[in-house]
Amino acid sequence: MDQTPPTIRLARVGKFTSNEGVEVSFSEEMLAQIADAYDPAADPAPLVVGHPRLDDPAYGWVDSLAVEGGELLARPGADIEPAFAEMVRARRFPKVSARFYPPEHPANPKPGSWYLKHIGFLGAHAPGIKGLGTVQFSEGDDQGVATIDFPSTKEDDMSKEASFAERETALTTREQSLAQREAAVAEQEKAAKTAAMKAIHDGNVSFAEGLMQAGKLAPVGKGLLIGVLDHLDTTAVVSFGEAGDMAPADALKKLFDSAVPLVSFGEHGKKPKNDKSYTSFAAPEGYDVDPEKADLHRRASIIRQENPGLGWADAVKRAQGAG
């Protein structure tokens, strides 16, 4: 297994606010100056856990600094404490925090340039290991320094990008699922509306045919009546004065129900004066009302009055059966 210590990202070109609340701006030239000023032999920067003050163990040392792609990178030496290295590989430290001496800091070994003081690994407790070298800082060394936190490796940034991509994918999937459910609901509503309209139409057809059988509607008027009923509102209630409140479609049906049967459209000629088989109606000369249809209508009307929820066609069928 490759045990080469990973490159550590310390800073990048841009403007940042340090943990101490100081605004820090790094240009690529400044990062290059930091890398050039670093002296691992005289003033090496230790790898530590957190930001120690005095006599805390160093788990390794920064071997060199370099600038690549607008980022300041630290390359640790090979002499990293194995237990600490294992914790780093296990991602126990999700962030690193680089602490720098500003150019004018009195403890800066290279005045005039930013200088890396140490790299603190954040996110876990320090491993209990004896015999490590200690980091000696003078009292007041931490005053005036600048601490900048970054992910410990590029893989962490990639992990965040992957996590963001996964969330984006999940959101897209959820939106697609919602769109599919909305489409399914819309299709169900459309099917229900179509079924309801068909039921209303079938009822209107039955009503018109019942009127025809009762002699109240000429065959030529069947289609017209059905079309009108299909387009009348069956839910809105309208006041019809003394006739009461009802839906327009129900009002029209009631009007036809109470109508006098039409005269027969077949010409029978003049009636014999002594012929008593026809009921007397005010009909045009030479035409007679079919008494059987008139009686059928009367019986069907009585049945509907006794059964308000019964359709006209069913009432006519019952009247025919009773006859």
Protein backbone atom coordinates (compact mmCIF):
# COMPACT_ATOMS: atom_id res chain seq x y z
CA MET A 1 0.00 0.00 0.00
CA ASP A 2 1.26 3.47 -0.85
CA GLN A 3 2.07 5.20 2.48
CA THR A 4 3.10 8.51 0.90
CA PRO A 5 1.62 11.32 3.02
CA PRO A 6 -1.13 13.18 1.17
CA THR A 7 -0.64 16.74 -0.02
CA ILE A 8 -2.36 19.20 2.29
CA ARG A 9 -4.17 22.26 0.95
CA LEU A 10 -3.44 25.29 3.12
CA ALA A 11 -4.72 28.37 1.27
CA ARG A 12 -5.78 29.59 -2.14
CA VAL A 13 -5.92 32.84 -4.05
CA GLY A 14 -8.71 35.07 -2.76
CA LYS A 15 -9.95 37.05 0.22
CA PHE A 16 -10.72 35.27 3.49
CA THR A 17 -11.61 36.08 7.07
CA SER A 18 -9.36 34.30 9.53
CA ASN A 19 -10.64 32.60 12.67
CA GLU A 20 -9.38 35.65 14.55
CA GLY A 21 -11.67 37.90 12.47
CA VAL A 22 -8.88 39.37 10.35
CA GLU A 23 -9.44 39.81 6.61
CA VAL A 24 -6.63 38.18 4.67
CA SER A 25 -6.10 38.53 0.92
CA PHE A 26 -3.78 36.12 -0.88
CA SER A 27 -2.54 36.67 -4.42
CA GLU A 28 -0.68 33.98 -6.31
CA GLU A 29 2.52 36.02 -5.83
CA MET A 30 1.97 36.09 -2.06
CA LEU A 31 1.42 32.33 -1.97
CA ALA A 32 4.61 31.84 -3.96
CA GLN A 33 6.45 34.10 -1.50
CA ILE A 34 5.20 31.97 1.43
CA ALA A 35 6.39 28.81 -0.30
CA ASP A 36 9.80 30.32 -1.08
CA ALA A 37 10.26 31.67 2.44
CA TYR A 38 9.57 28.36 4.13
CA ASP A 39 12.73 26.84 5.67
CA PRO A 40 12.14 23.27 6.94
CA ALA A 41 15.66 22.99 8.30
CA ALA A 42 15.66 26.13 10.45
CA ASP A 43 11.98 26.70 11.23
CA PRO A 44 9.87 23.66 10.30
CA ALA A 45 6.09 23.78 10.73
CA PRO A 46 4.74 20.85 12.77
CA LEU A 47 1.63 18.78 12.16
CA VAL A 48 -0.45 19.03 15.33
CA VAL A 49 -3.96 18.30 16.54
CA GLY A 50 -5.94 21.47 17.10
CA HIS A 51 -3.96 24.63 17.84
CA PRO A 52 -1.63 23.87 20.75
CA ARG A 53 0.06 26.50 22.88
CA LEU A 54 2.88 24.78 24.77
CA ASP A 55 4.56 21.38 24.75
CA ASP A 56 1.97 19.61 22.61
CA PRO A 57 3.21 16.69 20.51
CA ALA A 58 4.13 17.05 16.87
CA TYR A 59 2.92 14.11 14.78
CA GLY A 60 4.98 15.09 11.79
CA TRP A 61 6.62 18.04 10.04
CA VAL A 62 6.04 19.91 6.81
CA ASP A 63 8.83 19.04 4.39
CA SER A 64 8.05 21.69 1.75
CA LEU A 65 5.50 24.16 0.42
CA ALA A 66 4.51 24.68 -3.20
CA VAL A 67 1.95 26.61 -5.24
CA GLU A 68 -0.12 24.73 -7.80
CA GLY A 69 -3.27 25.92 -9.53
CA GLY A 70 -3.57 28.97 -7.32
CA GLU A 71 -3.35 26.92 -4.12
CA LEU A 72 -0.68 26.72 -1.42
CA LEU A 73 0.13 23.05 -0.81
CA ALA A 74 2.08 21.48 2.04
CA ARG A 75 3.98 18.23 1.59
CA PRO A 76 4.65 16.48 4.91
CA GLY A 77 7.81 14.54 5.48
CA ALA A 78 7.83 10.77 5.61
CA ASP A 79 8.42 10.62 9.37
CA ILE A 80 4.75 10.90 10.36
CA GLU A 81 3.62 9.03 13.45
CA PRO A 82 1.86 5.88 12.08
CA ALA A 83 -1.13 6.03 14.44
CA PHE A 84 -1.72 9.67 13.49
CA ALA A 85 -1.33 8.86 9.79
CA GLU A 86 -3.89 6.08 10.15
CA MET A 87 -6.38 8.50 11.72
CA VAL A 88 -5.83 10.91 8.83
CA ARG A 89 -6.39 8.14 6.28
CA ALA A 90 -9.57 7.17 8.17
CA ARG A 91 -10.79 10.77 7.70
CA ARG A 92 -10.97 11.38 11.43
CA PHE A 93 -9.79 14.92 10.75
CA PRO A 94 -12.19 16.47 8.18
CA LYS A 95 -10.47 19.86 8.22
CA VAL A 96 -7.02 21.31 8.61
CA SER A 97 -6.33 24.75 10.00
CA ALA A 98 -3.16 26.49 8.87
CA ARG A 99 -1.78 29.12 11.22
CA PHE A 100 0.48 31.80 9.74
CA TYR A 101 2.72 34.50 11.12
CA PRO A 102 1.88 37.82 9.42
CA PRO A 103 4.85 39.60 7.81
CA GLU A 104 5.21 42.07 10.70
CA HIS A 105 4.77 39.54 13.56
CA PRO A 106 7.70 39.71 16.05
CA ALA A 107 8.01 35.90 16.16
CA ASN A 108 8.06 35.55 12.37
CA PRO A 109 11.36 33.88 11.39
CA LYS A 110 11.17 35.54 7.96
CA PRO A 111 9.95 39.11 8.50
CA GLY A 112 8.33 40.72 5.49
CA SER A 113 6.59 37.54 4.35
CA TRP A 114 3.82 35.38 5.69
CA TYR A 115 5.27 32.28 7.36
CA LEU A 116 3.61 28.95 8.14
CA LYS A 117 3.59 28.40 11.92
CA HIS A 118 1.89 24.99 12.08
CA ILE A 119 -0.88 22.90 10.56
CA GLY A 120 -3.61 21.90 13.00
CA PHE A 121 -5.79 18.87 12.25
CA LEU A 122 -9.35 19.39 13.49
CA GLY A 123 -12.19 17.01 14.21
CA ALA A 124 -10.81 14.33 16.57
CA HIS A 125 -8.89 13.91 19.79
CA ALA A 126 -5.13 13.57 19.65
CA PRO A 127 -3.92 9.95 19.73
CA GLY A 128 -2.31 8.99 23.03
CA ILE A 129 1.22 8.23 21.87
CA LYS A 130 4.31 8.62 24.00
CA GLY A 131 7.74 9.66 22.85
CA LEU A 132 6.74 12.20 20.21
CA GLY A 133 8.66 15.40 19.77
CA THR A 134 7.09 18.43 21.36
CA VAL A 135 6.28 21.78 19.84
CA GLN A 136 7.68 24.69 21.77
CA PHE A 137 5.98 28.08 21.36
CA SER A 138 6.80 31.21 23.22
CA GLU A 139 4.14 32.94 25.30
CA GLY A 140 2.33 35.40 23.07
CA ASP A 141 3.19 33.55 19.86
CA ASP A 142 -0.53 33.16 19.15
CA GLN A 143 -1.22 36.86 19.34
CA GLY A 144 -1.60 38.46 15.93
CA VAL A 145 -1.44 35.23 13.94
CA ALA A 146 -3.92 34.33 11.18
CA THR A 147 -5.63 30.94 11.15
CA ILE A 148 -7.38 29.71 8.02
CA ASP A 149 -9.39 26.46 7.89
CA PHE A 150 -9.57 24.30 4.78
CA PRO A 151 -10.59 20.73 3.96
CA SER A 152 -7.68 18.41 4.68
CA THR A 153 -7.37 17.03 1.13
CA LYS A 154 -8.80 17.59 -2.34
CA GLU A 155 -10.68 14.34 -1.88
CA ASP A 156 -12.79 16.08 0.77
CA ASP A 157 -13.82 18.76 -1.72
CA MET A 158 -14.57 16.05 -4.25
CA SER A 159 -16.63 14.26 -1.62
CA LYS A 160 -18.62 17.45 -1.03
CA GLU A 161 -19.12 17.89 -4.76
CA ALA A 162 -20.25 14.26 -5.03
CA SER A 163 -22.64 14.77 -2.12
CA PHE A 164 -24.04 17.90 -3.80
CA ALA A 165 -24.45 15.98 -7.05
CA GLU A 166 -26.26 13.21 -5.18
CA ARG A 167 -28.62 15.75 -3.62
CA GLU A 168 -29.22 17.30 -7.04
CA THR A 169 -29.99 13.86 -8.47
CA ALA A 170 -32.32 13.06 -5.57
CA LEU A 171 -34.11 16.39 -6.03
CA THR A 172 -34.50 15.79 -9.77
CA THR A 173 -35.83 12.28 -9.10
CA ARG A 174 -38.29 13.66 -6.54
CA GLU A 175 -39.50 16.35 -8.96
CA GLN A 176 -39.97 13.74 -11.67
CA SER A 177 -41.90 11.53 -9.25
CA LEU A 178 -44.14 14.45 -8.25
CA ALA A 179 -44.74 15.30 -11.91
CA GLN A 180 -45.69 11.69 -12.62
CA ARG A 181 -48.10 11.61 -9.67
CA GLU A 182 -49.66 14.91 -10.75
CA ALA A 183 -50.09 13.54 -14.27
CA ALA A 184 -51.67 10.36 -12.89
CA VAL A 185 -54.07 12.38 -10.70
CA ALA A 186 -54.97 14.59 -13.65
CA GLU A 187 -55.64 11.50 -15.77
CA GLN A 188 -57.85 10.02 -13.04
CA GLU A 189 -59.78 13.28 -12.71
CA LYS A 190 -60.22 13.39 -16.48
CA ALA A 191 -61.47 9.79 -16.54
CA ALA A 192 -63.87 10.48 -13.65
CA LYS A 193 -65.20 13.59 -15.40
CA THR A 194 -65.65 11.67 -18.65
CA ALA A 195 -67.51 8.88 -16.81
CA ALA A 196 -69.76 11.41 -15.05
CA MET A 197 -70.58 13.16 -18.34
CA LYS A 198 -71.37 9.80 -19.95
CA ALA A 199 -73.68 8.89 -17.08
CA ILE A 200 -75.49 12.22 -17.45
CA HIS A 201 -75.73 11.74 -21.22
CA ASP A 202 -77.07 8.20 -20.83
CA GLY A 203 -79.66 9.50 -18.38
CA ASN A 204 -80.70 12.21 -20.82
CA VAL A 205 -81.03 9.66 -23.62
CA SER A 206 -83.21 7.50 -21.37
CA PHE A 207 -85.33 10.51 -20.45
CA ALA A 208 -85.83 11.54 -24.10
CA GLU A 209 -86.74 8.00 -25.12
CA GLY A 210 -89.24 7.85 -22.24
CA LEU A 211 -90.86 11.05 -23.48
CA MET A 212 -91.08 9.60 -26.98
CA GLN A 213 -92.71 6.43 -25.68
CA ALA A 214 -95.18 8.56 -23.71
CA GLY A 215 -96.00 10.58 -26.79
CA LYS A 216 -94.58 13.79 -25.34
CA LEU A 217 -91.66 14.17 -27.73
CA ALA A 218 -91.53 13.74 -31.46
CA PRO A 219 -88.63 11.58 -32.70
CA VAL A 220 -87.22 14.56 -34.58
CA GLY A 221 -86.74 16.40 -31.28
CA LYS A 222 -84.84 13.63 -29.50
CA GLY A 223 -81.33 14.72 -30.50
CA LEU A 224 -82.07 18.38 -29.84
CA LEU A 225 -83.41 17.71 -26.35
CA ILE A 226 -80.48 15.43 -25.45
CA GLY A 227 -77.98 18.04 -26.66
CA VAL A 228 -79.61 20.79 -24.62
CA LEU A 229 -79.75 18.64 -21.48
CA ASP A 230 -76.11 17.58 -21.90
CA HIS A 231 -75.00 21.20 -21.82
CA LEU A 232 -77.24 22.44 -19.02
CA ASP A 233 -75.73 22.77 -15.56
CA THR A 234 -76.82 19.88 -13.37
CA THR A 235 -75.44 21.26 -10.10
CA ALA A 236 -76.22 24.99 -9.92
CA VAL A 237 -79.59 25.72 -8.34
CA VAL A 238 -81.79 28.42 -9.88
CA SER A 239 -85.00 29.85 -8.49
CA PHE A 240 -87.99 29.30 -10.76
CA GLY A 241 -90.54 31.21 -8.68
CA GLU A 242 -93.54 29.15 -7.69
CA ALA A 243 -91.99 26.11 -9.34
CA GLY A 244 -89.28 26.14 -6.68
CA ASP A 245 -85.50 25.99 -6.80
CA MET A 246 -83.83 23.41 -9.00
CA ALA A 247 -81.05 22.89 -11.50
CA PRO A 248 -81.80 24.09 -15.05
CA ALA A 249 -81.63 20.54 -16.42
CA ASP A 250 -84.11 19.31 -13.80
CA ALA A 251 -86.40 22.23 -14.57
CA LEU A 252 -86.47 21.35 -18.27
CA LYS A 253 -87.16 17.70 -17.47
CA LYS A 254 -90.00 18.68 -15.17
CA LEU A 255 -91.45 20.84 -17.93
CA PHE A 256 -91.46 17.90 -20.34
CA ASP A 257 -92.78 15.51 -17.68
CA SER A 258 -95.83 17.70 -17.13
CA ALA A 259 -96.48 18.24 -20.83
CA VAL A 260 -99.62 16.97 -22.53
CA PRO A 261 -98.92 14.06 -24.90
CA LEU A 262 -98.55 15.03 -28.52
CA VAL A 263 -101.20 14.12 -31.07
CA SER A 264 -100.50 11.11 -33.25
CA PHE A 265 -98.44 12.03 -36.28
CA GLY A 266 -100.24 9.45 -38.39
CA GLU A 267 -103.36 10.72 -40.21
CA HIS A 268 -106.40 8.67 -39.28
CA GLY A 269 -109.05 10.57 -41.21
CA LYS A 270 -112.22 11.83 -39.68
CA LYS A 271 -113.72 9.94 -36.75
CA PRO A 272 -117.13 8.40 -37.02
CA LYS A 273 -119.61 10.42 -35.02
CA ASN A 274 -120.56 7.41 -32.89
CA ASP A 275 -116.89 6.33 -32.22
CA LYS A 276 -116.26 6.62 -28.47
CA SER A 277 -112.85 4.86 -28.42
CA TYR A 278 -110.78 8.07 -28.49
CA THR A 279 -110.37 10.57 -25.71
CA SER A 280 -111.36 14.06 -26.73
CA PHE A 281 -108.38 16.52 -26.99
CA ALA A 282 -108.08 19.86 -28.66
CA ALA A 283 -106.16 18.56 -31.66
CA PRO A 284 -105.94 19.78 -35.23
CA GLU A 285 -108.70 18.69 -37.56
CA GLY A 286 -108.06 15.18 -38.83
CA TYR A 287 -105.58 14.15 -36.03
CA ASP A 288 -106.12 12.18 -32.85
CA VAL A 289 -104.11 11.66 -29.65
CA ASP A 290 -103.07 8.05 -29.14
CA PRO A 291 -105.07 7.10 -26.02
CA GLU A 292 -102.75 4.20 -25.19
CA LYS A 293 -99.69 6.46 -25.12
CA ALA A 294 -101.57 9.03 -23.09
CA ASP A 295 -102.52 6.37 -20.56
CA LEU A 296 -98.93 5.06 -20.51
CA HIS A 297 -97.65 8.54 -19.76
CA ARG A 298 -100.20 8.97 -16.98
CA ARG A 299 -99.16 5.71 -15.32
CA ALA A 300 -95.43 6.45 -15.75
CA SER A 301 -95.90 9.89 -14.20
CA ILE A 302 -97.64 8.35 -11.19
CA ILE A 303 -94.80 5.84 -10.77
CA ARG A 304 -92.19 8.61 -10.87
CA GLN A 305 -94.11 10.62 -8.29
CA GLU A 306 -94.08 7.59 -6.01
CA ASN A 307 -90.38 6.97 -6.76
CA PRO A 308 -88.62 10.38 -7.14
CA GLY A 309 -85.21 8.84 -7.80
CA LEU A 310 -86.46 6.66 -10.65
CA GLY A 311 -85.45 7.59 -14.21
CA TRP A 312 -88.18 8.32 -16.77
CA ALA A 313 -87.25 5.39 -19.00
CA ASP A 314 -87.45 2.98 -16.04
CA ALA A 315 -90.80 4.48 -15.01
CA VAL A 316 -92.13 3.92 -18.54
CA LYS A 317 -90.90 0.32 -18.47
CA ARG A 318 -92.66 -0.27 -15.17
CA ALA A 319 -95.83 1.32 -16.52
CA GLN A 320 -95.66 -0.90 -19.60
CA GLY A 321 -95.19 -3.95 -17.39
CA ALA A 322 -98.07 -2.96 -15.16
CA GLY A 323 -100.26 -2.42 -18.17
